[in-house]
């Protein structure tokens, strides 16, 4: 990865294009993060209830992103699913507000990036 790429990833600037999807109405600002389709079909087969996370519109940030570090394994996907299901079950504007505040902290202090 280049130095510029590391900077963009660490500061999360590379997420800005997703804000256009929020403006278009394809995504919410807060909600379960979208996953690549090739992974969705695999995870649907391996993890019970994985498809339930799609009951809500995907978001730029979410409860799993502010509560669990970056992960790429099946075990990480299962743990993030737990957070996503908690979010779906306990959705409130207050929870969204807390997630936005935590997201600001993550971005300002460059936590959770690789």
PDB file of N, CA and C in Angstrom:
ATOM      1  N   UNK A   1       0.848  -1.176   0.000  1.00  0.00           N
ATOM      2  CA  UNK A   1       0.000   0.000   0.000  1.00  0.00           C
ATOM      3  C   UNK A   1       0.898   1.245   0.000  1.00  0.00           C
ATOM      4  N   UNK A   2       0.492   2.241  -0.725  1.00  0.00           N
ATOM      5  CA  UNK A   2       1.275   3.472  -0.793  1.00  0.00           C
ATOM      6  C   UNK A   2       1.057   4.306   0.470  1.00  0.00           C
ATOM      7  N   UNK A   3       1.919   5.296   0.669  1.00  0.00           N
ATOM      8  CA  UNK A   3       1.746   6.194   1.826  1.00  0.00           C
ATOM      9  C   UNK A   3       0.428   6.945   1.728  1.00  0.00           C
ATOM     10  N   UNK A   4       0.085   7.369   0.517  1.00  0.00           N
ATOM     11  CA  UNK A   4      -1.192   8.062   0.322  1.00  0.00           C
ATOM     12  C   UNK A   4      -2.357   7.126   0.658  1.00  0.00           C
ATOM     13  N   UNK A   5      -2.285   5.897   0.195  1.00  0.00           N
ATOM     14  CA  UNK A   5      -3.339   4.923   0.485  1.00  0.00           C
ATOM     15  C   UNK A   5      -3.479   4.679   1.975  1.00  0.00           C
ATOM     16  N   UNK A   6      -2.357   4.569   2.680  1.00  0.00           N
ATOM     17  CA  UNK A   6      -2.400   4.379   4.134  1.00  0.00           C
ATOM     18  C   UNK A   6      -3.060   5.575   4.815  1.00  0.00           C
ATOM     19  N   UNK A   7      -2.713   6.776   4.353  1.00  0.00           N
ATOM     20  CA  UNK A   7      -3.303   7.992   4.929  1.00  0.00           C
ATOM     21  C   UNK A   7      -4.812   8.019   4.683  1.00  0.00           C
ATOM     22  N   UNK A   8      -5.232   7.728   3.449  1.00  0.00           N
ATOM     23  CA  UNK A   8      -6.659   7.739   3.117  1.00  0.00           C
ATOM     24  C   UNK A   8      -7.425   6.718   3.960  1.00  0.00           C
ATOM     25  N   UNK A   9      -6.843   5.533   4.138  1.00  0.00           N
ATOM     26  CA  UNK A   9      -7.501   4.482   4.919  1.00  0.00           C
ATOM     27  C   UNK A   9      -7.550   4.846   6.404  1.00  0.00           C
ATOM     28  N   UNK A  10      -6.427   5.343   6.925  1.00  0.00           N
ATOM     29  CA  UNK A  10      -6.347   5.665   8.354  1.00  0.00           C
ATOM     30  C   UNK A  10      -7.294   6.797   8.735  1.00  0.00           C
ATOM     31  N   UNK A  11      -7.434   7.782   7.865  1.00  0.00           N
ATOM     32  CA  UNK A  11      -8.315   8.919   8.137  1.00  0.00           C
ATOM     33  C   UNK A  11      -9.746   8.679   7.664  1.00  0.00           C
ATOM     34  N   UNK A  12      -9.964   7.546   7.009  1.00  0.00           N
ATOM     35  CA  UNK A  12     -11.287   7.149   6.501  1.00  0.00           C
ATOM     36  C   UNK A  12     -11.805   8.072   5.403  1.00  0.00           C
ATOM     37  N   UNK A  13     -10.929   8.838   4.806  1.00  0.00           N
ATOM     38  CA  UNK A  13     -11.342   9.706   3.698  1.00  0.00           C
ATOM     39  C   UNK A  13     -11.879   8.871   2.536  1.00  0.00           C
ATOM     40  N   UNK A  14     -11.394   7.638   2.422  1.00  0.00           N
ATOM     41  CA  UNK A  14     -11.847   6.776   1.330  1.00  0.00           C
ATOM     42  C   UNK A  14     -13.322   6.391   1.454  1.00  0.00           C
ATOM     43  N   UNK A  15     -13.954   6.711   2.572  1.00  0.00           N
ATOM     44  CA  UNK A  15     -15.380   6.414   2.769  1.00  0.00           C
ATOM     45  C   UNK A  15     -16.283   7.529   2.241  1.00  0.00           C
ATOM     46  N   UNK A  16     -15.726   8.683   1.936  1.00  0.00           N
ATOM     47  CA  UNK A  16     -16.533   9.841   1.506  1.00  0.00           C
ATOM     48  C   UNK A  16     -17.434   9.537   0.306  1.00  0.00           C
ATOM     49  N   UNK A  17     -16.978   8.782  -0.695  1.00  0.00           N
ATOM     50  CA  UNK A  17     -17.886   8.501  -1.817  1.00  0.00           C
ATOM     51  C   UNK A  17     -19.189   7.806  -1.393  1.00  0.00           C
ATOM     52  N   UNK A  18     -19.166   7.096  -0.275  1.00  0.00           N
ATOM     53  CA  UNK A  18     -20.395   6.441   0.176  1.00  0.00           C
ATOM     54  C   UNK A  18     -21.447   7.456   0.610  1.00  0.00           C
ATOM     55  N   UNK A  19     -21.018   8.663   0.947  1.00  0.00           N
ATOM     56  CA  UNK A  19     -21.994   9.692   1.318  1.00  0.00           C
ATOM     57  C   UNK A  19     -22.913  10.025   0.135  1.00  0.00           C
ATOM     58  N   UNK A  20     -22.425   9.854  -1.093  1.00  0.00           N
ATOM     59  CA  UNK A  20     -23.281  10.058  -2.267  1.00  0.00           C
ATOM     60  C   UNK A  20     -24.397   9.011  -2.287  1.00  0.00           C
ATOM     61  N   UNK A  21     -24.073   7.780  -1.850  1.00  0.00           N
ATOM     62  CA  UNK A  21     -25.103   6.744  -1.773  1.00  0.00           C
ATOM     63  C   UNK A  21     -26.146   7.081  -0.712  1.00  0.00           C
ATOM     64  N   UNK A  22     -25.736   7.754   0.351  1.00  0.00           N
ATOM     65  CA  UNK A  22     -26.685   8.205   1.370  1.00  0.00           C
ATOM     66  C   UNK A  22     -27.606   9.261   0.759  1.00  0.00           C
ATOM     67  N   UNK A  23     -27.024  10.212   0.040  1.00  0.00           N
ATOM     68  CA  UNK A  23     -27.835  11.263  -0.592  1.00  0.00           C
ATOM     69  C   UNK A  23     -28.799  10.698  -1.629  1.00  0.00           C
ATOM     70  N   UNK A  24     -28.379   9.643  -2.340  1.00  0.00           N
ATOM     71  CA  UNK A  24     -29.245   8.994  -3.331  1.00  0.00           C
ATOM     72  C   UNK A  24     -30.345   8.177  -2.673  1.00  0.00           C
ATOM     73  N   UNK A  25     -30.165   7.835  -1.403  1.00  0.00           N
ATOM     74  CA  UNK A  25     -31.156   7.028  -0.700  1.00  0.00           C
ATOM     75  C   UNK A  25     -30.872   5.537  -0.727  1.00  0.00           C
ATOM     76  N   UNK A  26     -29.725   5.151  -1.296  1.00  0.00           N
ATOM     77  CA  UNK A  26     -29.362   3.730  -1.346  1.00  0.00           C
ATOM     78  C   UNK A  26     -28.825   3.233  -0.009  1.00  0.00           C
ATOM     79  N   UNK A  27     -28.309   4.149   0.809  1.00  0.00           N
ATOM     80  CA  UNK A  27     -27.740   3.796   2.108  1.00  0.00           C
ATOM     81  C   UNK A  27     -28.238   4.780   3.147  1.00  0.00           C
ATOM     82  N   UNK A  28     -28.131   4.362   4.405  1.00  0.00           N
ATOM     83  CA  UNK A  28     -28.353   5.262   5.532  1.00  0.00           C
ATOM     84  C   UNK A  28     -26.993   5.719   6.025  1.00  0.00           C
ATOM     85  N   UNK A  29     -26.977   6.749   6.845  1.00  0.00           N
ATOM     86  CA  UNK A  29     -25.702   7.135   7.441  1.00  0.00           C
ATOM     87  C   UNK A  29     -25.304   6.111   8.497  1.00  0.00           C
ATOM     88  N   UNK A  30     -26.284   5.618   9.270  1.00  0.00           N
ATOM     89  CA  UNK A  30     -26.032   4.611  10.301  1.00  0.00           C
ATOM     90  C   UNK A  30     -26.833   3.360   9.971  1.00  0.00           C
ATOM     91  N   UNK A  31     -26.174   2.214  10.058  1.00  0.00           N
ATOM     92  CA  UNK A  31     -26.830   0.933   9.815  1.00  0.00           C
ATOM     93  C   UNK A  31     -25.767  -0.136   9.649  1.00  0.00           C
ATOM     94  N   UNK A  32     -26.167  -1.379   9.487  1.00  0.00           N
ATOM     95  CA  UNK A  32     -25.167  -2.428   9.259  1.00  0.00           C
ATOM     96  C   UNK A  32     -24.362  -2.131   7.993  1.00  0.00           C
ATOM     97  N   UNK A  33     -23.043  -2.268   8.074  1.00  0.00           N
ATOM     98  CA  UNK A  33     -22.198  -1.989   6.917  1.00  0.00           C
ATOM     99  C   UNK A  33     -22.468  -2.987   5.809  1.00  0.00           C
ATOM    100  N   UNK A  34     -22.492  -2.530   4.565  1.00  0.00           N
ATOM    101  CA  UNK A  34     -22.697  -3.467   3.459  1.00  0.00           C
ATOM    102  C   UNK A  34     -21.469  -4.366   3.297  1.00  0.00           C
ATOM    103  N   UNK A  35     -21.707  -5.548   2.813  1.00  0.00           N
ATOM    104  CA  UNK A  35     -20.635  -6.510   2.561  1.00  0.00           C
ATOM    105  C   UNK A  35     -20.634  -6.827   1.075  1.00  0.00           C
ATOM    106  N   UNK A  36     -19.477  -7.194   0.547  1.00  0.00           N
ATOM    107  CA  UNK A  36     -19.400  -7.564  -0.865  1.00  0.00           C
ATOM    108  C   UNK A  36     -20.272  -8.787  -1.133  1.00  0.00           C
ATOM    109  N   UNK A  37     -20.956  -8.792  -2.261  1.00  0.00           N
ATOM    110  CA  UNK A  37     -21.924  -9.842  -2.574  1.00  0.00           C
ATOM    111  C   UNK A  37     -21.320 -11.242  -2.556  1.00  0.00           C
ATOM    112  N   UNK A  38     -20.082 -11.401  -3.006  1.00  0.00           N
ATOM    113  CA  UNK A  38     -19.482 -12.742  -3.010  1.00  0.00           C
ATOM    114  C   UNK A  38     -19.310 -13.271  -1.579  1.00  0.00           C
ATOM    115  N   UNK A  39     -19.088 -12.368  -0.638  1.00  0.00           N
ATOM    116  CA  UNK A  39     -18.972 -12.781   0.763  1.00  0.00           C
ATOM    117  C   UNK A  39     -20.345 -13.030   1.387  1.00  0.00           C
ATOM    118  N   UNK A  40     -21.337 -12.252   0.971  1.00  0.00           N
ATOM    119  CA  UNK A  40     -22.682 -12.403   1.532  1.00  0.00           C
ATOM    120  C   UNK A  40     -23.204 -13.810   1.291  1.00  0.00           C
ATOM    121  N   UNK A  41     -23.071 -14.309   0.067  1.00  0.00           N
ATOM    122  CA  UNK A  41     -23.591 -15.648  -0.227  1.00  0.00           C
ATOM    123  C   UNK A  41     -22.846 -16.711   0.580  1.00  0.00           C
ATOM    124  N   UNK A  42     -21.536 -16.562   0.742  1.00  0.00           N
ATOM    125  CA  UNK A  42     -20.758 -17.518   1.543  1.00  0.00           C
ATOM    126  C   UNK A  42     -21.172 -17.455   3.013  1.00  0.00           C
ATOM    127  N   UNK A  43     -21.290 -16.247   3.540  1.00  0.00           N
ATOM    128  CA  UNK A  43     -21.630 -16.088   4.958  1.00  0.00           C
ATOM    129  C   UNK A  43     -23.067 -16.512   5.253  1.00  0.00           C
ATOM    130  N   UNK A  44     -23.975 -16.313   4.298  1.00  0.00           N
ATOM    131  CA  UNK A  44     -25.353 -16.778   4.467  1.00  0.00           C
ATOM    132  C   UNK A  44     -25.406 -18.292   4.649  1.00  0.00           C
ATOM    133  N   UNK A  45     -24.531 -19.000   3.941  1.00  0.00           N
ATOM    134  CA  UNK A  45     -24.484 -20.460   4.041  1.00  0.00           C
ATOM    135  C   UNK A  45     -23.853 -20.929   5.350  1.00  0.00           C
ATOM    136  N   UNK A  46     -22.880 -20.183   5.859  1.00  0.00           N
ATOM    137  CA  UNK A  46     -22.098 -20.636   7.004  1.00  0.00           C
ATOM    138  C   UNK A  46     -22.594 -20.118   8.353  1.00  0.00           C
ATOM    139  N   UNK A  47     -23.222 -18.954   8.372  1.00  0.00           N
ATOM    140  CA  UNK A  47     -23.603 -18.326   9.641  1.00  0.00           C
ATOM    141  C   UNK A  47     -25.124 -18.205   9.712  1.00  0.00           C
ATOM    142  N   UNK A  48     -25.724 -18.905  10.685  1.00  0.00           N
ATOM    143  CA  UNK A  48     -27.189 -18.789  10.829  1.00  0.00           C
ATOM    144  C   UNK A  48     -27.606 -17.331  11.080  1.00  0.00           C
ATOM    145  N   UNK A  49     -28.704 -16.948  10.490  1.00  0.00           N
ATOM    146  CA  UNK A  49     -29.313 -15.620  10.658  1.00  0.00           C
ATOM    147  C   UNK A  49     -28.498 -14.483  10.021  1.00  0.00           C
ATOM    148  N   UNK A  50     -27.487 -14.821   9.248  1.00  0.00           N
ATOM    149  CA  UNK A  50     -26.681 -13.751   8.637  1.00  0.00           C
ATOM    150  C   UNK A  50     -27.544 -12.831   7.765  1.00  0.00           C
ATOM    151  N   UNK A  51     -28.512 -13.401   7.080  1.00  0.00           N
ATOM    152  CA  UNK A  51     -29.340 -12.590   6.179  1.00  0.00           C
ATOM    153  C   UNK A  51     -30.211 -11.579   6.938  1.00  0.00           C
ATOM    154  N   UNK A  52     -30.421 -11.771   8.224  1.00  0.00           N
ATOM    155  CA  UNK A  52     -31.249 -10.852   9.013  1.00  0.00           C
ATOM    156  C   UNK A  52     -30.648  -9.445   9.078  1.00  0.00           C
ATOM    157  N   UNK A  53     -29.346  -9.346   8.890  1.00  0.00           N
ATOM    158  CA  UNK A  53     -28.703  -8.033   8.957  1.00  0.00           C
ATOM    159  C   UNK A  53     -29.126  -7.151   7.778  1.00  0.00           C
ATOM    160  N   UNK A  54     -29.754  -7.754   6.779  1.00  0.00           N
ATOM    161  CA  UNK A  54     -30.202  -6.993   5.613  1.00  0.00           C
ATOM    162  C   UNK A  54     -31.628  -6.470   5.769  1.00  0.00           C
ATOM    163  N   UNK A  55     -32.205  -6.609   6.959  1.00  0.00           N
ATOM    164  CA  UNK A  55     -33.546  -6.081   7.213  1.00  0.00           C
ATOM    165  C   UNK A  55     -33.547  -4.556   7.200  1.00  0.00           C
ATOM    166  N   UNK A  56     -32.397  -3.965   7.431  1.00  0.00           N
ATOM    167  CA  UNK A  56     -32.289  -2.498   7.435  1.00  0.00           C
ATOM    168  C   UNK A  56     -31.401  -2.068   6.274  1.00  0.00           C
ATOM    169  N   UNK A  57     -31.572  -0.843   5.876  1.00  0.00           N
ATOM    170  CA  UNK A  57     -30.729  -0.262   4.845  1.00  0.00           C
ATOM    171  C   UNK A  57     -29.286  -0.224   5.359  1.00  0.00           C
ATOM    172  N   UNK A  58     -28.302  -0.559   4.510  1.00  0.00           N
ATOM    173  CA  UNK A  58     -26.905  -0.507   4.969  1.00  0.00           C
ATOM    174  C   UNK A  58     -26.488   0.914   5.304  1.00  0.00           C
ATOM    175  N   UNK A  59     -25.474   1.027   6.160  1.00  0.00           N
ATOM    176  CA  UNK A  59     -25.025   2.340   6.591  1.00  0.00           C
ATOM    177  C   UNK A  59     -23.540   2.562   6.365  1.00  0.00           C
ATOM    178  N   UNK A  60     -23.152   3.819   6.371  1.00  0.00           N
ATOM    179  CA  UNK A  60     -21.744   4.197   6.256  1.00  0.00           C
ATOM    180  C   UNK A  60     -21.007   3.805   7.536  1.00  0.00           C
ATOM    181  N   UNK A  61     -21.687   3.916   8.662  1.00  0.00           N
ATOM    182  CA  UNK A  61     -21.125   3.513   9.937  1.00  0.00           C
ATOM    183  C   UNK A  61     -22.176   2.696  10.683  1.00  0.00           C
ATOM    184  N   UNK A  62     -21.735   1.956  11.668  1.00  0.00           N
ATOM    185  CA  UNK A  62     -22.683   1.118  12.397  1.00  0.00           C
ATOM    186  C   UNK A  62     -22.172   0.727  13.773  1.00  0.00           C
ATOM    187  N   UNK A  63     -23.044   0.094  14.540  1.00  0.00           N
ATOM    188  CA  UNK A  63     -22.721  -0.335  15.892  1.00  0.00           C
ATOM    189  C   UNK A  63     -21.526  -1.291  15.887  1.00  0.00           C
ATOM    190  N   UNK A  64     -21.486  -2.207  14.952  1.00  0.00           N
ATOM    191  CA  UNK A  64     -20.372  -3.157  14.882  1.00  0.00           C
ATOM    192  C   UNK A  64     -19.056  -2.440  14.583  1.00  0.00           C
ATOM    193  N   UNK A  65     -19.106  -1.385  13.795  1.00  0.00           N
ATOM    194  CA  UNK A  65     -17.876  -0.683  13.427  1.00  0.00           C
ATOM    195  C   UNK A  65     -17.289   0.113  14.587  1.00  0.00           C
ATOM    196  N   UNK A  66     -18.125   0.596  15.479  1.00  0.00           N
ATOM    197  CA  UNK A  66     -17.596   1.375  16.601  1.00  0.00           C
ATOM    198  C   UNK A  66     -17.339   0.511  17.829  1.00  0.00           C
ATOM    199  N   UNK A  67     -17.810  -0.737  17.813  1.00  0.00           N
ATOM    200  CA  UNK A  67     -17.642  -1.615  18.966  1.00  0.00           C
ATOM    201  C   UNK A  67     -16.666  -2.763  18.738  1.00  0.00           C
ATOM    202  N   UNK A  68     -16.342  -3.066  17.490  1.00  0.00           N
ATOM    203  CA  UNK A  68     -15.504  -4.225  17.186  1.00  0.00           C
ATOM    204  C   UNK A  68     -14.426  -3.794  16.203  1.00  0.00           C
ATOM    205  N   UNK A  69     -13.187  -4.229  16.415  1.00  0.00           N
ATOM    206  CA  UNK A  69     -12.114  -3.810  15.500  1.00  0.00           C
ATOM    207  C   UNK A  69     -12.277  -4.441  14.119  1.00  0.00           C
ATOM    208  N   UNK A  70     -11.535  -3.917  13.184  1.00  0.00           N
ATOM    209  CA  UNK A  70     -11.552  -4.448  11.823  1.00  0.00           C
ATOM    210  C   UNK A  70     -11.217  -5.929  11.864  1.00  0.00           C
ATOM    211  N   UNK A  71     -11.931  -6.709  11.094  1.00  0.00           N
ATOM    212  CA  UNK A  71     -11.654  -8.138  11.019  1.00  0.00           C
ATOM    213  C   UNK A  71     -12.102  -8.689   9.688  1.00  0.00           C
ATOM    214  N   UNK A  72     -11.431  -9.756   9.245  1.00  0.00           N
ATOM    215  CA  UNK A  72     -11.739 -10.312   7.938  1.00  0.00           C
ATOM    216  C   UNK A  72     -12.031 -11.809   7.995  1.00  0.00           C
ATOM    217  N   UNK A  73     -12.116 -12.392   9.177  1.00  0.00           N
ATOM    218  CA  UNK A  73     -12.349 -13.830   9.276  1.00  0.00           C
ATOM    219  C   UNK A  73     -13.843 -14.121   9.434  1.00  0.00           C
ATOM    220  N   UNK A  74     -14.181 -15.389   9.309  1.00  0.00           N
ATOM    221  CA  UNK A  74     -15.566 -15.801   9.515  1.00  0.00           C
ATOM    222  C   UNK A  74     -15.990 -15.543  10.964  1.00  0.00           C
ATOM    223  N   UNK A  75     -15.063 -15.743  11.897  1.00  0.00           N
ATOM    224  CA  UNK A  75     -15.356 -15.478  13.310  1.00  0.00           C
ATOM    225  C   UNK A  75     -15.638 -13.991  13.528  1.00  0.00           C
ATOM    226  N   UNK A  76     -14.877 -13.136  12.847  1.00  0.00           N
ATOM    227  CA  UNK A  76     -15.119 -11.687  12.932  1.00  0.00           C
ATOM    228  C   UNK A  76     -16.497 -11.340  12.374  1.00  0.00           C
ATOM    229  N   UNK A  77     -16.860 -11.976  11.259  1.00  0.00           N
ATOM    230  CA  UNK A  77     -18.174 -11.728  10.655  1.00  0.00           C
ATOM    231  C   UNK A  77     -19.288 -12.136  11.612  1.00  0.00           C
ATOM    232  N   UNK A  78     -19.102 -13.252  12.320  1.00  0.00           N
ATOM    233  CA  UNK A  78     -20.097 -13.694  13.290  1.00  0.00           C
ATOM    234  C   UNK A  78     -20.229 -12.688  14.440  1.00  0.00           C
ATOM    235  N   UNK A  79     -19.106 -12.199  14.930  1.00  0.00           N
ATOM    236  CA  UNK A  79     -19.142 -11.229  16.028  1.00  0.00           C
ATOM    237  C   UNK A  79     -19.797  -9.925  15.581  1.00  0.00           C
ATOM    238  N   UNK A  80     -19.461  -9.468  14.377  1.00  0.00           N
ATOM    239  CA  UNK A  80     -20.077  -8.237  13.869  1.00  0.00           C
ATOM    240  C   UNK A  80     -21.574  -8.439  13.629  1.00  0.00           C
ATOM    241  N   UNK A  81     -21.955  -9.662  13.224  1.00  0.00           N
ATOM    242  CA  UNK A  81     -23.377  -9.956  13.050  1.00  0.00           C
ATOM    243  C   UNK A  81     -24.104  -9.781  14.377  1.00  0.00           C
ATOM    244  N   UNK A  82     -23.500 -10.212  15.466  1.00  0.00           N
ATOM    245  CA  UNK A  82     -24.126 -10.035  16.783  1.00  0.00           C
ATOM    246  C   UNK A  82     -24.391  -8.552  17.063  1.00  0.00           C
ATOM    247  N   UNK A  83     -23.418  -7.718  16.752  1.00  0.00           N
ATOM    248  CA  UNK A  83     -23.602  -6.279  16.954  1.00  0.00           C
ATOM    249  C   UNK A  83     -24.679  -5.729  16.018  1.00  0.00           C
ATOM    250  N   UNK A  84     -24.679  -6.189  14.758  1.00  0.00           N
ATOM    251  CA  UNK A  84     -25.690  -5.719  13.807  1.00  0.00           C
ATOM    252  C   UNK A  84     -27.096  -6.111  14.260  1.00  0.00           C
ATOM    253  N   UNK A  85     -27.251  -7.336  14.743  1.00  0.00           N
ATOM    254  CA  UNK A  85     -28.570  -7.780  15.200  1.00  0.00           C
ATOM    255  C   UNK A  85     -29.001  -7.014  16.448  1.00  0.00           C
ATOM    256  N   UNK A  86     -28.049  -6.709  17.320  1.00  0.00           N
ATOM    257  CA  UNK A  86     -28.361  -5.882  18.487  1.00  0.00           C
ATOM    258  C   UNK A  86     -28.876  -4.515  18.021  1.00  0.00           C
ATOM    259  N   UNK A  87     -28.174  -3.925  17.057  1.00  0.00           N
ATOM    260  CA  UNK A  87     -28.571  -2.613  16.532  1.00  0.00           C
ATOM    261  C   UNK A  87     -29.983  -2.669  15.944  1.00  0.00           C
ATOM    262  N   UNK A  88     -30.249  -3.677  15.133  1.00  0.00           N
ATOM    263  CA  UNK A  88     -31.564  -3.802  14.499  1.00  0.00           C
ATOM    264  C   UNK A  88     -32.658  -3.948  15.557  1.00  0.00           C
ATOM    265  N   UNK A  89     -32.403  -4.765  16.557  1.00  0.00           N
ATOM    266  CA  UNK A  89     -33.399  -5.008  17.600  1.00  0.00           C
ATOM    267  C   UNK A  89     -33.611  -3.791  18.497  1.00  0.00           C
ATOM    268  N   UNK A  90     -32.565  -3.010  18.720  1.00  0.00           N
ATOM    269  CA  UNK A  90     -32.629  -1.890  19.662  1.00  0.00           C
ATOM    270  C   UNK A  90     -32.541  -0.523  18.987  1.00  0.00           C
ATOM    271  N   UNK A  91     -32.885  -0.455  17.709  1.00  0.00           N
ATOM    272  CA  UNK A  91     -32.783   0.782  16.943  1.00  0.00           C
ATOM    273  C   UNK A  91     -33.574   1.919  17.591  1.00  0.00           C
ATOM    274  N   UNK A  92     -32.888   3.032  17.834  1.00  0.00           N
ATOM    275  CA  UNK A  92     -33.511   4.279  18.268  1.00  0.00           C
ATOM    276  C   UNK A  92     -32.681   5.426  17.705  1.00  0.00           C
ATOM    277  N   UNK A  93     -33.251   6.601  17.685  1.00  0.00           N
ATOM    278  CA  UNK A  93     -32.483   7.768  17.250  1.00  0.00           C
ATOM    279  C   UNK A  93     -31.344   8.060  18.225  1.00  0.00           C
ATOM    280  N   UNK A  94     -31.561   7.776  19.504  1.00  0.00           N
ATOM    281  CA  UNK A  94     -30.506   7.967  20.494  1.00  0.00           C
ATOM    282  C   UNK A  94     -29.323   7.038  20.206  1.00  0.00           C
ATOM    283  N   UNK A  95     -29.605   5.790  19.878  1.00  0.00           N
ATOM    284  CA  UNK A  95     -28.517   4.863  19.538  1.00  0.00           C
ATOM    285  C   UNK A  95     -27.784   5.353  18.290  1.00  0.00           C
ATOM    286  N   UNK A  96     -28.515   5.817  17.300  1.00  0.00           N
ATOM    287  CA  UNK A  96     -27.868   6.375  16.101  1.00  0.00           C
ATOM    288  C   UNK A  96     -26.967   7.556  16.467  1.00  0.00           C
ATOM    289  N   UNK A  97     -27.462   8.414  17.345  1.00  0.00           N
ATOM    290  CA  UNK A  97     -26.670   9.571  17.769  1.00  0.00           C
ATOM    291  C   UNK A  97     -25.387   9.116  18.467  1.00  0.00           C
ATOM    292  N   UNK A  98     -25.491   8.108  19.339  1.00  0.00           N
ATOM    293  CA  UNK A  98     -24.293   7.575  20.016  1.00  0.00           C
ATOM    294  C   UNK A  98     -23.309   6.972  19.022  1.00  0.00           C
ATOM    295  N   UNK A  99     -23.824   6.291  18.021  1.00  0.00           N
ATOM    296  CA  UNK A  99     -22.953   5.703  16.997  1.00  0.00           C
ATOM    297  C   UNK A  99     -22.234   6.793  16.217  1.00  0.00           C
ATOM    298  N   UNK A 100     -22.937   7.856  15.880  1.00  0.00           N
ATOM    299  CA  UNK A 100     -22.306   8.978  15.169  1.00  0.00           C
ATOM    300  C   UNK A 100     -21.200   9.592  16.030  1.00  0.00           C
ATOM    301  N   UNK A 101     -21.467   9.795  17.325  1.00  0.00           N
ATOM    302  CA  UNK A 101     -20.433  10.333  18.226  1.00  0.00           C
ATOM    303  C   UNK A 101     -19.216   9.412  18.293  1.00  0.00           C
ATOM    304  N   UNK A 102     -19.460   8.127  18.421  1.00  0.00           N
ATOM    305  CA  UNK A 102     -18.349   7.164  18.459  1.00  0.00           C
ATOM    306  C   UNK A 102     -17.588   7.146  17.136  1.00  0.00           C
ATOM    307  N   UNK A 103     -18.311   7.301  16.032  1.00  0.00           N
ATOM    308  CA  UNK A 103     -17.668   7.329  14.718  1.00  0.00           C
ATOM    309  C   UNK A 103     -16.738   8.535  14.605  1.00  0.00           C
ATOM    310  N   UNK A 104     -17.184   9.671  15.107  1.00  0.00           N
ATOM    311  CA  UNK A 104     -16.341  10.868  15.094  1.00  0.00           C
ATOM    312  C   UNK A 104     -15.051  10.597  15.874  1.00  0.00           C
ATOM    313  N   UNK A 105     -15.172   9.946  17.041  1.00  0.00           N
ATOM    314  CA  UNK A 105     -13.976   9.610  17.829  1.00  0.00           C
ATOM    315  C   UNK A 105     -13.058   8.665  17.063  1.00  0.00           C
ATOM    316  N   UNK A 106     -13.644   7.666  16.408  1.00  0.00           N
ATOM    317  CA  UNK A 106     -12.845   6.698  15.638  1.00  0.00           C
ATOM    318  C   UNK A 106     -12.073   7.424  14.539  1.00  0.00           C
ATOM    319  N   UNK A 107     -12.740   8.337  13.842  1.00  0.00           N
ATOM    320  CA  UNK A 107     -12.086   9.063  12.746  1.00  0.00           C
ATOM    321  C   UNK A 107     -11.029  10.025  13.283  1.00  0.00           C
ATOM    322  N   UNK A 108     -11.366  10.798  14.306  1.00  0.00           N
ATOM    323  CA  UNK A 108     -10.412  11.779  14.841  1.00  0.00           C
ATOM    324  C   UNK A 108      -9.158  11.139  15.442  1.00  0.00           C
ATOM    325  N   UNK A 109      -9.328   9.998  16.088  1.00  0.00           N
ATOM    326  CA  UNK A 109      -8.201   9.356  16.762  1.00  0.00           C
ATOM    327  C   UNK A 109      -7.647   8.163  15.984  1.00  0.00           C
ATOM    328  N   UNK A 110      -8.108   7.992  14.726  1.00  0.00           N
ATOM    329  CA  UNK A 110      -7.622   6.956  13.810  1.00  0.00           C
ATOM    330  C   UNK A 110      -7.627   5.576  14.463  1.00  0.00           C
ATOM    331  N   UNK A 111      -8.697   5.268  15.183  1.00  0.00           N
ATOM    332  CA  UNK A 111      -8.832   3.944  15.795  1.00  0.00           C
ATOM    333  C   UNK A 111      -9.481   2.992  14.805  1.00  0.00           C
ATOM    334  N   UNK A 112      -9.134   1.732  14.942  1.00  0.00           N
ATOM    335  CA  UNK A 112      -9.827   0.691  14.196  1.00  0.00           C
ATOM    336  C   UNK A 112      -9.382   0.500  12.758  1.00  0.00           C
ATOM    337  N   UNK A 113      -8.418   1.234  12.286  1.00  0.00           N
ATOM    338  CA  UNK A 113      -7.957   1.026  10.918  1.00  0.00           C
ATOM    339  C   UNK A 113      -6.699   0.188  10.913  1.00  0.00           C
ATOM    340  N   UNK A 114      -6.399  -0.353   9.769  1.00  0.00           N
ATOM    341  CA  UNK A 114      -5.195  -1.163   9.626  1.00  0.00           C
ATOM    342  C   UNK A 114      -4.088  -0.355   9.007  1.00  0.00           C
TER     343      UNK A 114
END
